[in-house]
């Protein structure tokens, strides 16, 4: 009897495992929600829409963008964390998730434990630009400008990643500057143009109109690759400043998703990214198609949480309690 009971128990477990695997293999059977923590029309929204369209074609089911901006992405991330782990609610995740682990300690989720990373699909080109009135044309010029006696350097930032990466840049460039915060990239860029601020770090797609019109001067592309839309702007690496950080965009779901479902979605994302058409669409948005596995993305988020926590503490950036 004991052997029979054990056999029944093992058989039941086997049926459960097979059912999960079978369910994952036919996912999705209906529309999938894709939460985007930014408003429509911005660069992050545009990138997410390219991926959503690719997944929709891959799955032959609608992948519906649902914009949930506000509270520095906390609103959308809360909805994602609280969703059923069945794959039918996914979301755009960015380094802001890692920043907010320190800035919003009372958020109703844990940046690591509440989410299932599914992989990255893009890295962003970023640029360092100055007010033309500074007369600066490169990083060494900005360092000399900042070192002038009595000079108070001020910089603008319109979002948490801009703040964090600006402080990282300042540490590498070897001088201090005063942060003037804004609510969004567009007001921050305007702040540099109209309020006499000295420099700003932001994405190429956000800064390009102001740079092309001569209202800002681009002095460095961040990283080791020049932006295709700004091929004449030298990289930080070319100017002797090592910059290993690059903002990324990825896909995530709520914690608790089955390994089979994680594999199914991750493999689908990989096939979407292998499409030449998708790659070209992403490049036209000034981003780099970039693939990483769920495990790689999970490790990256954990590492960035520690990096950004150190920057936040060093610079006394206010924490929302």
C-alpha atoms as a PDB file:
ATOM      1  CA  UNK A   1       0.000   0.000   0.000  1.00  0.00           C
ATOM      2  CA  UNK A   2       2.848   2.358   0.890  1.00  0.00           C
ATOM      3  CA  UNK A   3       4.521   1.673  -2.461  1.00  0.00           C
ATOM      4  CA  UNK A   4       1.237   2.294  -4.243  1.00  0.00           C
ATOM      5  CA  UNK A   5       0.714   5.597  -2.404  1.00  0.00           C
ATOM      6  CA  UNK A   6       4.260   6.706  -3.281  1.00  0.00           C
ATOM      7  CA  UNK A   7       3.680   5.769  -6.939  1.00  0.00           C
ATOM      8  CA  UNK A   8       0.477   7.812  -7.032  1.00  0.00           C
ATOM      9  CA  UNK A   9       2.220  10.818  -5.462  1.00  0.00           C
ATOM     10  CA  UNK A  10       5.101  10.693  -7.950  1.00  0.00           C
ATOM     11  CA  UNK A  11       2.690  10.218 -10.837  1.00  0.00           C
ATOM     12  CA  UNK A  12       0.684  13.258  -9.695  1.00  0.00           C
ATOM     13  CA  UNK A  13       3.846  15.409  -9.492  1.00  0.00           C
ATOM     14  CA  UNK A  14       4.862  14.216 -12.962  1.00  0.00           C
ATOM     15  CA  UNK A  15       1.481  15.174 -14.356  1.00  0.00           C
ATOM     16  CA  UNK A  16       1.843  18.663 -12.808  1.00  0.00           C
ATOM     17  CA  UNK A  17       5.290  19.192 -14.309  1.00  0.00           C
ATOM     18  CA  UNK A  18       4.123  18.012 -17.716  1.00  0.00           C
ATOM     19  CA  UNK A  19       1.087  20.297 -17.544  1.00  0.00           C
ATOM     20  CA  UNK A  20       3.284  23.335 -16.788  1.00  0.00           C
ATOM     21  CA  UNK A  21       5.624  22.459 -19.657  1.00  0.00           C
ATOM     22  CA  UNK A  22       2.681  21.920 -22.005  1.00  0.00           C
ATOM     23  CA  UNK A  23       1.085  25.236 -21.004  1.00  0.00           C
ATOM     24  CA  UNK A  24       4.360  27.086 -21.603  1.00  0.00           C
ATOM     25  CA  UNK A  25       4.801  25.490 -25.030  1.00  0.00           C
ATOM     26  CA  UNK A  26       1.515  26.952 -26.295  1.00  0.00           C
ATOM     27  CA  UNK A  27       1.922  30.364 -24.614  1.00  0.00           C
ATOM     28  CA  UNK A  28       0.334  32.777 -25.324  1.00  0.00           C
ATOM     29  CA  UNK A  29      -3.243  31.814 -26.085  1.00  0.00           C
ATOM     30  CA  UNK A  30      -4.520  35.403 -25.865  1.00  0.00           C
ATOM     31  CA  UNK A  31      -3.345  39.012 -25.687  1.00  0.00           C
ATOM     32  CA  UNK A  32      -0.330  39.932 -23.548  1.00  0.00           C
ATOM     33  CA  UNK A  33      -0.069  43.243 -21.651  1.00  0.00           C
ATOM     34  CA  UNK A  34       3.251  45.092 -21.940  1.00  0.00           C
ATOM     35  CA  UNK A  35       3.569  47.694 -19.166  1.00  0.00           C
ATOM     36  CA  UNK A  36       5.742  50.703 -20.006  1.00  0.00           C
ATOM     37  CA  UNK A  37       6.604  53.001 -17.064  1.00  0.00           C
ATOM     38  CA  UNK A  38       6.981  56.057 -19.311  1.00  0.00           C
ATOM     39  CA  UNK A  39       4.522  58.231 -21.253  1.00  0.00           C
ATOM     40  CA  UNK A  40       3.695  57.628 -24.923  1.00  0.00           C
ATOM     41  CA  UNK A  41       5.932  59.260 -27.501  1.00  0.00           C
ATOM     42  CA  UNK A  42       9.250  59.082 -25.671  1.00  0.00           C
ATOM     43  CA  UNK A  43      12.310  57.074 -26.687  1.00  0.00           C
ATOM     44  CA  UNK A  44      11.674  54.250 -24.189  1.00  0.00           C
ATOM     45  CA  UNK A  45       8.086  53.938 -25.353  1.00  0.00           C
ATOM     46  CA  UNK A  46       9.190  53.825 -29.003  1.00  0.00           C
ATOM     47  CA  UNK A  47      11.720  51.055 -28.330  1.00  0.00           C
ATOM     48  CA  UNK A  48       9.154  49.051 -26.350  1.00  0.00           C
ATOM     49  CA  UNK A  49       6.690  49.308 -29.239  1.00  0.00           C
ATOM     50  CA  UNK A  50       9.213  47.837 -31.676  1.00  0.00           C
ATOM     51  CA  UNK A  51       9.713  44.837 -29.380  1.00  0.00           C
ATOM     52  CA  UNK A  52       5.979  44.487 -28.692  1.00  0.00           C
ATOM     53  CA  UNK A  53       5.259  44.375 -32.418  1.00  0.00           C
ATOM     54  CA  UNK A  54       7.989  41.775 -32.929  1.00  0.00           C
ATOM     55  CA  UNK A  55       6.669  39.568 -30.125  1.00  0.00           C
ATOM     56  CA  UNK A  56       3.121  39.927 -31.439  1.00  0.00           C
ATOM     57  CA  UNK A  57       4.253  38.676 -34.851  1.00  0.00           C
ATOM     58  CA  UNK A  58       6.283  35.888 -33.232  1.00  0.00           C
ATOM     59  CA  UNK A  59       3.383  34.705 -31.054  1.00  0.00           C
ATOM     60  CA  UNK A  60       0.536  35.593 -33.432  1.00  0.00           C
ATOM     61  CA  UNK A  61      -1.256  37.211 -30.521  1.00  0.00           C
ATOM     62  CA  UNK A  62      -1.646  40.925 -29.663  1.00  0.00           C
ATOM     63  CA  UNK A  63       1.019  42.392 -27.373  1.00  0.00           C
ATOM     64  CA  UNK A  64      -0.640  45.534 -26.071  1.00  0.00           C
ATOM     65  CA  UNK A  65       1.416  48.463 -24.755  1.00  0.00           C
ATOM     66  CA  UNK A  66      -0.015  49.917 -21.561  1.00  0.00           C
ATOM     67  CA  UNK A  67       1.706  53.160 -20.510  1.00  0.00           C
ATOM     68  CA  UNK A  68       1.860  53.586 -16.733  1.00  0.00           C
ATOM     69  CA  UNK A  69       4.088  56.630 -16.109  1.00  0.00           C
ATOM     70  CA  UNK A  70       4.617  58.275 -12.732  1.00  0.00           C
ATOM     71  CA  UNK A  71       6.519  58.108  -9.454  1.00  0.00           C
ATOM     72  CA  UNK A  72       9.855  57.441 -11.193  1.00  0.00           C
ATOM     73  CA  UNK A  73       8.489  54.144 -12.637  1.00  0.00           C
ATOM     74  CA  UNK A  74       7.231  52.878  -9.240  1.00  0.00           C
ATOM     75  CA  UNK A  75       3.578  52.829 -10.399  1.00  0.00           C
ATOM     76  CA  UNK A  76       4.221  50.513 -13.343  1.00  0.00           C
ATOM     77  CA  UNK A  77       6.685  48.333 -11.439  1.00  0.00           C
ATOM     78  CA  UNK A  78       4.149  47.856  -8.636  1.00  0.00           C
ATOM     79  CA  UNK A  79       1.555  46.656 -11.169  1.00  0.00           C
ATOM     80  CA  UNK A  80       4.089  44.282 -12.706  1.00  0.00           C
ATOM     81  CA  UNK A  81       5.184  42.872  -9.348  1.00  0.00           C
ATOM     82  CA  UNK A  82       1.568  42.225  -8.340  1.00  0.00           C
ATOM     83  CA  UNK A  83       0.522  40.561 -11.618  1.00  0.00           C
ATOM     84  CA  UNK A  84      -0.102  36.832 -11.966  1.00  0.00           C
ATOM     85  CA  UNK A  85       3.117  35.030 -12.991  1.00  0.00           C
ATOM     86  CA  UNK A  86       1.442  33.513 -16.051  1.00  0.00           C
ATOM     87  CA  UNK A  87       3.283  35.568 -18.690  1.00  0.00           C
ATOM     88  CA  UNK A  88       0.248  37.601 -19.698  1.00  0.00           C
ATOM     89  CA  UNK A  89       1.593  40.717 -17.974  1.00  0.00           C
ATOM     90  CA  UNK A  90       5.132  41.709 -18.917  1.00  0.00           C
ATOM     91  CA  UNK A  91       6.932  45.006 -18.542  1.00  0.00           C
ATOM     92  CA  UNK A  92       9.764  47.210 -19.694  1.00  0.00           C
ATOM     93  CA  UNK A  93      12.578  47.262 -17.144  1.00  0.00           C
ATOM     94  CA  UNK A  94      15.539  49.650 -17.176  1.00  0.00           C
ATOM     95  CA  UNK A  95      18.382  50.620 -14.798  1.00  0.00           C
ATOM     96  CA  UNK A  96      15.856  52.822 -12.982  1.00  0.00           C
ATOM     97  CA  UNK A  97      14.749  49.607 -11.245  1.00  0.00           C
ATOM     98  CA  UNK A  98      18.239  49.323  -9.729  1.00  0.00           C
ATOM     99  CA  UNK A  99      18.394  53.022  -8.811  1.00  0.00           C
ATOM    100  CA  UNK A 100      14.989  52.924  -7.110  1.00  0.00           C
ATOM    101  CA  UNK A 101      16.064  50.029  -4.894  1.00  0.00           C
ATOM    102  CA  UNK A 102      17.860  52.711  -2.856  1.00  0.00           C
ATOM    103  CA  UNK A 103      15.854  55.854  -3.684  1.00  0.00           C
ATOM    104  CA  UNK A 104      12.485  54.245  -2.862  1.00  0.00           C
ATOM    105  CA  UNK A 105      13.161  51.803   0.013  1.00  0.00           C
ATOM    106  CA  UNK A 106       9.450  51.671   0.882  1.00  0.00           C
ATOM    107  CA  UNK A 107       8.234  50.780  -2.613  1.00  0.00           C
ATOM    108  CA  UNK A 108       5.744  47.874  -2.443  1.00  0.00           C
ATOM    109  CA  UNK A 109       8.157  45.484  -4.132  1.00  0.00           C
ATOM    110  CA  UNK A 110      11.740  44.244  -3.956  1.00  0.00           C
ATOM    111  CA  UNK A 111      13.847  45.111  -7.011  1.00  0.00           C
ATOM    112  CA  UNK A 112      15.369  41.624  -7.080  1.00  0.00           C
ATOM    113  CA  UNK A 113      12.870  39.291  -5.424  1.00  0.00           C
ATOM    114  CA  UNK A 114       9.636  40.653  -6.944  1.00  0.00           C
ATOM    115  CA  UNK A 115      10.567  40.305 -10.618  1.00  0.00           C
ATOM    116  CA  UNK A 116      11.643  37.719 -13.154  1.00  0.00           C
ATOM    117  CA  UNK A 117      14.129  39.187 -15.669  1.00  0.00           C
ATOM    118  CA  UNK A 118      13.559  37.782 -19.162  1.00  0.00           C
ATOM    119  CA  UNK A 119      16.430  39.402 -21.064  1.00  0.00           C
ATOM    120  CA  UNK A 120      17.610  42.692 -22.530  1.00  0.00           C
ATOM    121  CA  UNK A 121      16.907  43.888 -26.043  1.00  0.00           C
ATOM    122  CA  UNK A 122      18.663  47.268 -26.351  1.00  0.00           C
ATOM    123  CA  UNK A 123      21.434  49.475 -25.064  1.00  0.00           C
ATOM    124  CA  UNK A 124      21.166  53.242 -25.347  1.00  0.00           C
ATOM    125  CA  UNK A 125      23.638  55.670 -26.888  1.00  0.00           C
ATOM    126  CA  UNK A 126      24.254  58.555 -24.503  1.00  0.00           C
ATOM    127  CA  UNK A 127      26.042  61.856 -24.972  1.00  0.00           C
ATOM    128  CA  UNK A 128      27.652  64.513 -22.800  1.00  0.00           C
ATOM    129  CA  UNK A 129      26.808  68.006 -24.032  1.00  0.00           C
ATOM    130  CA  UNK A 130      27.617  71.534 -22.874  1.00  0.00           C
ATOM    131  CA  UNK A 131      26.202  75.015 -23.210  1.00  0.00           C
ATOM    132  CA  UNK A 132      28.015  76.588 -26.205  1.00  0.00           C
ATOM    133  CA  UNK A 133      28.745  79.648 -24.038  1.00  0.00           C
ATOM    134  CA  UNK A 134      31.308  77.561 -22.132  1.00  0.00           C
ATOM    135  CA  UNK A 135      33.508  77.378 -25.219  1.00  0.00           C
ATOM    136  CA  UNK A 136      34.197  73.720 -24.384  1.00  0.00           C
ATOM    137  CA  UNK A 137      34.638  71.137 -27.171  1.00  0.00           C
ATOM    138  CA  UNK A 138      35.928  68.024 -25.403  1.00  0.00           C
ATOM    139  CA  UNK A 139      36.332  66.412 -21.977  1.00  0.00           C
ATOM    140  CA  UNK A 140      39.740  67.958 -21.278  1.00  0.00           C
ATOM    141  CA  UNK A 141      38.246  71.328 -22.125  1.00  0.00           C
ATOM    142  CA  UNK A 142      35.442  70.758 -19.611  1.00  0.00           C
ATOM    143  CA  UNK A 143      38.003  69.761 -16.981  1.00  0.00           C
ATOM    144  CA  UNK A 144      39.994  72.971 -17.610  1.00  0.00           C
ATOM    145  CA  UNK A 145      36.787  75.025 -17.550  1.00  0.00           C
ATOM    146  CA  UNK A 146      35.758  73.509 -14.211  1.00  0.00           C
ATOM    147  CA  UNK A 147      39.215  74.153 -12.777  1.00  0.00           C
ATOM    148  CA  UNK A 148      39.153  77.899 -13.377  1.00  0.00           C
ATOM    149  CA  UNK A 149      39.377  79.897 -10.157  1.00  0.00           C
ATOM    150  CA  UNK A 150      35.999  80.859  -8.739  1.00  0.00           C
ATOM    151  CA  UNK A 151      34.111  78.729 -11.262  1.00  0.00           C
ATOM    152  CA  UNK A 152      30.909  77.089 -10.012  1.00  0.00           C
ATOM    153  CA  UNK A 153      29.898  74.376 -12.462  1.00  0.00           C
ATOM    154  CA  UNK A 154      26.223  73.446 -12.640  1.00  0.00           C
ATOM    155  CA  UNK A 155      24.615  70.550 -14.497  1.00  0.00           C
ATOM    156  CA  UNK A 156      21.061  69.542 -15.342  1.00  0.00           C
ATOM    157  CA  UNK A 157      19.373  66.150 -15.032  1.00  0.00           C
ATOM    158  CA  UNK A 158      15.795  65.213 -15.772  1.00  0.00           C
ATOM    159  CA  UNK A 159      15.641  61.691 -14.338  1.00  0.00           C
ATOM    160  CA  UNK A 160      17.344  59.461 -11.794  1.00  0.00           C
ATOM    161  CA  UNK A 161      19.644  57.746 -14.324  1.00  0.00           C
ATOM    162  CA  UNK A 162      20.800  61.168 -15.522  1.00  0.00           C
ATOM    163  CA  UNK A 163      21.582  62.167 -11.943  1.00  0.00           C
ATOM    164  CA  UNK A 164      23.462  58.963 -11.116  1.00  0.00           C
ATOM    165  CA  UNK A 165      25.484  58.828 -14.321  1.00  0.00           C
ATOM    166  CA  UNK A 166      26.345  62.530 -14.097  1.00  0.00           C
ATOM    167  CA  UNK A 167      27.814  61.949 -10.646  1.00  0.00           C
ATOM    168  CA  UNK A 168      29.727  58.928 -11.955  1.00  0.00           C
ATOM    169  CA  UNK A 169      31.084  61.107 -14.771  1.00  0.00           C
ATOM    170  CA  UNK A 170      32.085  63.863 -12.347  1.00  0.00           C
ATOM    171  CA  UNK A 171      34.007  61.354 -10.244  1.00  0.00           C
ATOM    172  CA  UNK A 172      35.889  60.122 -13.309  1.00  0.00           C
ATOM    173  CA  UNK A 173      36.528  63.664 -14.601  1.00  0.00           C
ATOM    174  CA  UNK A 174      37.841  64.723 -11.204  1.00  0.00           C
ATOM    175  CA  UNK A 175      35.774  67.778 -10.312  1.00  0.00           C
ATOM    176  CA  UNK A 176      32.567  68.648  -8.475  1.00  0.00           C
ATOM    177  CA  UNK A 177      29.436  70.364  -9.795  1.00  0.00           C
ATOM    178  CA  UNK A 178      26.023  71.385  -8.510  1.00  0.00           C
ATOM    179  CA  UNK A 179      22.948  69.446  -9.628  1.00  0.00           C
ATOM    180  CA  UNK A 180      19.943  71.385 -10.906  1.00  0.00           C
ATOM    181  CA  UNK A 181      17.140  68.778 -11.140  1.00  0.00           C
ATOM    182  CA  UNK A 182      14.275  68.841 -13.621  1.00  0.00           C
ATOM    183  CA  UNK A 183      11.222  66.686 -14.197  1.00  0.00           C
ATOM    184  CA  UNK A 184      12.114  65.025 -17.487  1.00  0.00           C
ATOM    185  CA  UNK A 185      14.769  65.212 -20.196  1.00  0.00           C
ATOM    186  CA  UNK A 186      13.133  67.978 -22.243  1.00  0.00           C
ATOM    187  CA  UNK A 187      12.924  70.514 -19.376  1.00  0.00           C
ATOM    188  CA  UNK A 188      16.490  69.612 -18.330  1.00  0.00           C
ATOM    189  CA  UNK A 189      17.832  70.240 -21.836  1.00  0.00           C
ATOM    190  CA  UNK A 190      15.955  73.539 -21.964  1.00  0.00           C
ATOM    191  CA  UNK A 191      17.442  74.408 -18.590  1.00  0.00           C
ATOM    192  CA  UNK A 192      20.957  74.169 -19.968  1.00  0.00           C
ATOM    193  CA  UNK A 193      19.996  76.225 -23.024  1.00  0.00           C
ATOM    194  CA  UNK A 194      18.043  78.991 -21.306  1.00  0.00           C
ATOM    195  CA  UNK A 195      19.315  79.102 -17.718  1.00  0.00           C
ATOM    196  CA  UNK A 196      23.036  79.157 -18.334  1.00  0.00           C
ATOM    197  CA  UNK A 197      23.762  75.723 -16.881  1.00  0.00           C
ATOM    198  CA  UNK A 198      27.033  74.147 -17.995  1.00  0.00           C
ATOM    199  CA  UNK A 199      26.424  70.538 -19.041  1.00  0.00           C
ATOM    200  CA  UNK A 200      24.024  67.627 -19.265  1.00  0.00           C
ATOM    201  CA  UNK A 201      24.206  63.865 -19.742  1.00  0.00           C
ATOM    202  CA  UNK A 202      21.274  62.205 -21.543  1.00  0.00           C
ATOM    203  CA  UNK A 203      20.363  59.857 -24.385  1.00  0.00           C
ATOM    204  CA  UNK A 204      21.295  60.750 -27.958  1.00  0.00           C
ATOM    205  CA  UNK A 205      17.671  60.542 -29.050  1.00  0.00           C
ATOM    206  CA  UNK A 206      16.687  63.154 -26.416  1.00  0.00           C
ATOM    207  CA  UNK A 207      19.618  65.503 -27.099  1.00  0.00           C
ATOM    208  CA  UNK A 208      19.995  65.279 -30.875  1.00  0.00           C
ATOM    209  CA  UNK A 209      17.549  68.098 -31.848  1.00  0.00           C
ATOM    210  CA  UNK A 210      19.270  70.597 -29.533  1.00  0.00           C
ATOM    211  CA  UNK A 211      22.730  69.502 -30.699  1.00  0.00           C
ATOM    212  CA  UNK A 212      21.877  69.603 -34.401  1.00  0.00           C
ATOM    213  CA  UNK A 213      20.389  73.100 -34.010  1.00  0.00           C
ATOM    214  CA  UNK A 214      23.557  74.345 -32.300  1.00  0.00           C
ATOM    215  CA  UNK A 215      21.851  75.033 -28.980  1.00  0.00           C
ATOM    216  CA  UNK A 216      24.099  72.471 -27.278  1.00  0.00           C
ATOM    217  CA  UNK A 217      27.605  71.246 -28.091  1.00  0.00           C
ATOM    218  CA  UNK A 218      28.187  67.494 -27.921  1.00  0.00           C
ATOM    219  CA  UNK A 219      31.631  66.799 -26.441  1.00  0.00           C
ATOM    220  CA  UNK A 220      31.573  63.007 -25.919  1.00  0.00           C
ATOM    221  CA  UNK A 221      29.642  59.879 -26.786  1.00  0.00           C
ATOM    222  CA  UNK A 222      29.550  57.714 -23.676  1.00  0.00           C
ATOM    223  CA  UNK A 223      31.346  54.377 -23.965  1.00  0.00           C
ATOM    224  CA  UNK A 224      33.537  52.873 -26.675  1.00  0.00           C
ATOM    225  CA  UNK A 225      31.217  53.177 -29.704  1.00  0.00           C
ATOM    226  CA  UNK A 226      30.336  56.396 -31.539  1.00  0.00           C
ATOM    227  CA  UNK A 227      26.667  57.054 -32.155  1.00  0.00           C
ATOM    228  CA  UNK A 228      25.772  56.494 -35.841  1.00  0.00           C
ATOM    229  CA  UNK A 229      23.749  59.720 -35.786  1.00  0.00           C
ATOM    230  CA  UNK A 230      26.727  61.666 -34.349  1.00  0.00           C
ATOM    231  CA  UNK A 231      29.737  60.005 -35.972  1.00  0.00           C
ATOM    232  CA  UNK A 232      31.986  63.056 -35.523  1.00  0.00           C
ATOM    233  CA  UNK A 233      31.620  63.064 -31.723  1.00  0.00           C
ATOM    234  CA  UNK A 234      34.503  61.183 -30.101  1.00  0.00           C
ATOM    235  CA  UNK A 235      33.786  58.622 -27.407  1.00  0.00           C
ATOM    236  CA  UNK A 236      34.815  58.928 -23.771  1.00  0.00           C
ATOM    237  CA  UNK A 237      37.181  55.993 -24.323  1.00  0.00           C
ATOM    238  CA  UNK A 238      38.852  57.793 -27.230  1.00  0.00           C
ATOM    239  CA  UNK A 239      39.336  60.797 -24.954  1.00  0.00           C
ATOM    240  CA  UNK A 240      41.012  58.730 -22.239  1.00  0.00           C
ATOM    241  CA  UNK A 241      38.012  58.365 -19.950  1.00  0.00           C
ATOM    242  CA  UNK A 242      36.936  54.769 -19.333  1.00  0.00           C
ATOM    243  CA  UNK A 243      33.129  54.491 -19.270  1.00  0.00           C
ATOM    244  CA  UNK A 244      31.896  50.899 -18.757  1.00  0.00           C
ATOM    245  CA  UNK A 245      28.278  51.835 -17.997  1.00  0.00           C
ATOM    246  CA  UNK A 246      25.557  51.813 -20.625  1.00  0.00           C
ATOM    247  CA  UNK A 247      21.853  52.204 -20.052  1.00  0.00           C
ATOM    248  CA  UNK A 248      19.757  49.266 -21.265  1.00  0.00           C
ATOM    249  CA  UNK A 249      16.167  48.233 -21.901  1.00  0.00           C
ATOM    250  CA  UNK A 250      14.887  44.798 -20.985  1.00  0.00           C
ATOM    251  CA  UNK A 251      11.823  42.633 -20.576  1.00  0.00           C
ATOM    252  CA  UNK A 252      10.599  41.424 -17.208  1.00  0.00           C
ATOM    253  CA  UNK A 253       7.706  39.691 -15.538  1.00  0.00           C
ATOM    254  CA  UNK A 254       6.531  39.086 -11.982  1.00  0.00           C
ATOM    255  CA  UNK A 255       8.411  36.642  -9.774  1.00  0.00           C
ATOM    256  CA  UNK A 256       7.087  33.079  -9.689  1.00  0.00           C
ATOM    257  CA  UNK A 257       7.039  32.371 -13.415  1.00  0.00           C
ATOM    258  CA  UNK A 258       7.812  28.741 -14.227  1.00  0.00           C
ATOM    259  CA  UNK A 259      11.267  27.972 -15.700  1.00  0.00           C
ATOM    260  CA  UNK A 260       9.511  26.621 -18.808  1.00  0.00           C
ATOM    261  CA  UNK A 261       7.624  29.873 -19.305  1.00  0.00           C
ATOM    262  CA  UNK A 262      10.771  31.954 -18.717  1.00  0.00           C
ATOM    263  CA  UNK A 263      12.577  29.917 -21.382  1.00  0.00           C
ATOM    264  CA  UNK A 264       9.651  30.218 -23.804  1.00  0.00           C
ATOM    265  CA  UNK A 265       9.515  34.031 -23.538  1.00  0.00           C
ATOM    266  CA  UNK A 266      13.302  34.468 -23.489  1.00  0.00           C
ATOM    267  CA  UNK A 267      13.714  32.337 -26.609  1.00  0.00           C
ATOM    268  CA  UNK A 268      10.932  34.270 -28.346  1.00  0.00           C
ATOM    269  CA  UNK A 269      12.659  37.553 -27.492  1.00  0.00           C
ATOM    270  CA  UNK A 270      15.928  36.171 -28.888  1.00  0.00           C
ATOM    271  CA  UNK A 271      14.238  35.261 -32.179  1.00  0.00           C
ATOM    272  CA  UNK A 272      12.705  38.735 -32.410  1.00  0.00           C
ATOM    273  CA  UNK A 273      16.127  40.334 -31.898  1.00  0.00           C
ATOM    274  CA  UNK A 274      17.652  38.162 -34.611  1.00  0.00           C
ATOM    275  CA  UNK A 275      15.369  39.821 -37.176  1.00  0.00           C
ATOM    276  CA  UNK A 276      17.249  42.225 -39.447  1.00  0.00           C
ATOM    277  CA  UNK A 277      14.111  44.360 -39.674  1.00  0.00           C
ATOM    278  CA  UNK A 278      13.835  44.690 -35.878  1.00  0.00           C
ATOM    279  CA  UNK A 279      17.545  45.502 -35.621  1.00  0.00           C
ATOM    280  CA  UNK A 280      17.194  48.270 -38.211  1.00  0.00           C
ATOM    281  CA  UNK A 281      14.137  49.703 -36.453  1.00  0.00           C
ATOM    282  CA  UNK A 282      16.049  49.848 -33.176  1.00  0.00           C
ATOM    283  CA  UNK A 283      19.082  51.469 -34.812  1.00  0.00           C
ATOM    284  CA  UNK A 284      16.847  54.159 -36.306  1.00  0.00           C
ATOM    285  CA  UNK A 285      15.802  54.972 -32.720  1.00  0.00           C
ATOM    286  CA  UNK A 286      19.490  55.503 -31.771  1.00  0.00           C
ATOM    287  CA  UNK A 287      19.728  52.344 -29.679  1.00  0.00           C
ATOM    288  CA  UNK A 288      21.952  49.290 -30.025  1.00  0.00           C
ATOM    289  CA  UNK A 289      20.251  45.885 -30.350  1.00  0.00           C
ATOM    290  CA  UNK A 290      21.589  44.018 -27.346  1.00  0.00           C
ATOM    291  CA  UNK A 291      20.679  40.558 -26.094  1.00  0.00           C
ATOM    292  CA  UNK A 292      21.350  39.034 -22.693  1.00  0.00           C
ATOM    293  CA  UNK A 293      19.854  36.021 -20.933  1.00  0.00           C
ATOM    294  CA  UNK A 294      17.484  36.134 -17.954  1.00  0.00           C
ATOM    295  CA  UNK A 295      20.307  35.046 -15.644  1.00  0.00           C
ATOM    296  CA  UNK A 296      22.728  37.634 -17.032  1.00  0.00           C
ATOM    297  CA  UNK A 297      20.153  40.393 -16.602  1.00  0.00           C
ATOM    298  CA  UNK A 298      19.419  39.278 -13.042  1.00  0.00           C
ATOM    299  CA  UNK A 299      23.125  39.488 -12.144  1.00  0.00           C
ATOM    300  CA  UNK A 300      23.426  42.871 -13.861  1.00  0.00           C
ATOM    301  CA  UNK A 301      20.516  44.328 -11.868  1.00  0.00           C
ATOM    302  CA  UNK A 302      22.010  43.075  -8.581  1.00  0.00           C
ATOM    303  CA  UNK A 303      25.416  44.588  -9.441  1.00  0.00           C
ATOM    304  CA  UNK A 304      23.887  47.914 -10.483  1.00  0.00           C
ATOM    305  CA  UNK A 305      21.904  48.141  -7.244  1.00  0.00           C
ATOM    306  CA  UNK A 306      25.197  48.093  -5.312  1.00  0.00           C
ATOM    307  CA  UNK A 307      26.907  50.545  -7.702  1.00  0.00           C
ATOM    308  CA  UNK A 308      24.056  53.048  -7.611  1.00  0.00           C
ATOM    309  CA  UNK A 309      23.608  52.735  -3.850  1.00  0.00           C
ATOM    310  CA  UNK A 310      27.243  53.784  -3.398  1.00  0.00           C
ATOM    311  CA  UNK A 311      26.806  56.801  -5.701  1.00  0.00           C
ATOM    312  CA  UNK A 312      23.581  57.854  -3.952  1.00  0.00           C
ATOM    313  CA  UNK A 313      25.201  57.679  -0.521  1.00  0.00           C
ATOM    314  CA  UNK A 314      28.424  59.417  -1.591  1.00  0.00           C
ATOM    315  CA  UNK A 315      26.530  62.362  -3.051  1.00  0.00           C
ATOM    316  CA  UNK A 316      23.761  62.617  -0.437  1.00  0.00           C
ATOM    317  CA  UNK A 317      21.034  62.189  -3.051  1.00  0.00           C
ATOM    318  CA  UNK A 318      17.675  62.449  -1.226  1.00  0.00           C
ATOM    319  CA  UNK A 319      15.977  59.122  -0.483  1.00  0.00           C
ATOM    320  CA  UNK A 320      12.160  58.935  -0.603  1.00  0.00           C
ATOM    321  CA  UNK A 321      11.071  57.511   2.743  1.00  0.00           C
END
